């Protein structure tokens, strides 16, 4: 079997200088030149991430969701509560099945 690395045949590997390069192929120095610090970069990234999660659409979604739950509290015969319990049980069953399948197929590891 042929050696794969120069060190395997007693040669010293040539070292290439390391540069700090961001995932987008832009040097970290270039990015930090335009932004004050790594902390500022992380803060801006977090702001953009959180901002994307809370839009007018998500606000409407959550208001509708809370109204839905509030309507259930007004149900005198508890049909809503029974329906919700059935939906959550079906949801939990489906999630359990997906997790078990992921473990069986080696996609997830099981810690016991």
Protein backbone atom coordinates (compact mmCIF):
# COMPACT_ATOMS: atom_id res chain seq x y z
CA UNK A 1 0.00 0.00 0.00
CA UNK A 2 1.45 3.35 -1.02
CA UNK A 3 1.95 5.99 1.67
CA UNK A 4 -0.56 8.80 1.64
CA UNK A 5 1.37 11.51 3.45
CA UNK A 6 4.95 12.83 3.06
CA UNK A 7 5.54 12.00 6.74
CA UNK A 8 4.99 8.30 5.92
CA UNK A 9 8.18 8.21 3.82
CA UNK A 10 10.25 10.35 6.17
CA UNK A 11 9.73 13.61 4.29
CA UNK A 12 8.70 16.77 5.98
CA UNK A 13 5.37 18.11 4.71
CA UNK A 14 5.46 21.61 3.32
CA UNK A 15 3.27 23.86 5.39
CA UNK A 16 1.07 26.34 3.68
CA UNK A 17 0.38 29.55 5.56
CA UNK A 18 -3.01 29.53 7.22
CA UNK A 19 -5.42 32.34 6.54
CA UNK A 20 -8.56 33.11 8.44
CA UNK A 21 -11.28 32.79 5.83
CA UNK A 22 -14.99 32.95 6.54
CA UNK A 23 -17.35 30.30 5.13
CA UNK A 24 -18.30 32.61 2.26
CA UNK A 25 -14.70 32.78 1.10
CA UNK A 26 -14.16 36.26 2.53
CA UNK A 27 -11.28 36.81 4.91
CA UNK A 28 -12.23 37.42 8.53
CA UNK A 29 -10.09 40.57 8.44
CA UNK A 30 -12.23 42.01 5.65
CA UNK A 31 -15.41 41.30 7.58
CA UNK A 32 -14.12 42.68 10.88
CA UNK A 33 -12.83 45.77 9.07
CA UNK A 34 -16.42 46.67 8.17
CA UNK A 35 -17.89 45.59 11.50
CA UNK A 36 -16.33 46.53 14.82
CA UNK A 37 -15.72 43.10 16.29
CA UNK A 38 -16.57 39.42 16.15
CA UNK A 39 -19.15 40.12 18.87
CA UNK A 40 -20.80 42.71 16.63
CA UNK A 41 -20.90 40.18 13.78
CA UNK A 42 -22.50 37.54 16.01
CA UNK A 43 -24.97 40.06 17.42
CA UNK A 44 -26.01 41.15 13.93
CA UNK A 45 -26.36 37.53 12.77
CA UNK A 46 -28.56 36.78 15.80
CA UNK A 47 -30.63 39.91 15.19
CA UNK A 48 -31.24 38.86 11.59
CA UNK A 49 -32.10 35.30 12.63
CA UNK A 50 -34.55 36.39 15.32
CA UNK A 51 -36.00 39.09 13.07
CA UNK A 52 -36.75 36.48 10.42
CA UNK A 53 -38.66 34.42 12.97
CA UNK A 54 -40.97 37.24 14.04
CA UNK A 55 -42.63 38.75 11.02
CA UNK A 56 -46.17 40.05 10.50
CA UNK A 57 -47.13 36.59 9.28
CA UNK A 58 -45.78 34.85 12.37
CA UNK A 59 -47.46 37.45 14.57
CA UNK A 60 -50.82 36.66 12.90
CA UNK A 61 -50.11 32.95 13.25
CA UNK A 62 -49.49 33.19 16.99
CA UNK A 63 -52.52 35.43 17.56
CA UNK A 64 -54.68 32.87 15.75
CA UNK A 65 -53.09 30.04 17.74
CA UNK A 66 -53.81 31.78 21.06
CA UNK A 67 -57.37 32.56 19.98
CA UNK A 68 -57.79 28.90 19.09
CA UNK A 69 -56.65 27.77 22.53
CA UNK A 70 -58.79 30.42 24.23
CA UNK A 71 -61.84 29.18 22.31
CA UNK A 72 -61.22 25.75 23.75
CA UNK A 73 -61.48 27.11 27.27
CA UNK A 74 -64.99 28.35 26.43
CA UNK A 75 -66.23 24.89 25.36
CA UNK A 76 -68.74 23.75 28.04
CA UNK A 77 -68.84 20.08 26.97
CA UNK A 78 -65.05 19.69 26.73
CA UNK A 79 -65.18 18.38 23.14
CA UNK A 80 -62.34 20.73 22.28
CA UNK A 81 -60.16 19.36 25.09
CA UNK A 82 -60.87 15.79 24.00
CA UNK A 83 -60.04 16.65 20.40
CA UNK A 84 -56.79 18.33 21.44
CA UNK A 85 -55.82 15.34 23.57
CA UNK A 86 -56.42 13.05 20.58
CA UNK A 87 -54.39 15.29 18.27
CA UNK A 88 -51.48 15.49 20.70
CA UNK A 89 -51.52 11.74 21.26
CA UNK A 90 -51.41 11.16 17.49
CA UNK A 91 -48.59 13.72 17.20
CA UNK A 92 -46.57 12.10 19.99
CA UNK A 93 -47.11 8.66 18.46
CA UNK A 94 -45.88 9.89 15.07
CA UNK A 95 -42.81 11.56 16.58
CA UNK A 96 -42.03 8.39 18.57
CA UNK A 97 -42.33 6.29 15.39
CA UNK A 98 -40.02 8.65 13.49
CA UNK A 99 -37.43 8.59 16.28
CA UNK A 100 -37.55 4.80 16.54
CA UNK A 101 -37.16 4.48 12.76
CA UNK A 102 -34.21 6.90 12.84
CA UNK A 103 -32.51 4.82 15.53
CA UNK A 104 -33.24 1.55 13.68
CA UNK A 105 -31.81 2.96 10.42
CA UNK A 106 -28.74 4.36 12.18
CA UNK A 107 -29.67 7.99 11.56
CA UNK A 108 -30.00 8.70 15.30
CA UNK A 109 -28.02 7.23 18.15
CA UNK A 110 -29.78 5.98 21.23
CA UNK A 111 -28.31 6.88 24.61
CA UNK A 112 -29.53 4.60 27.35
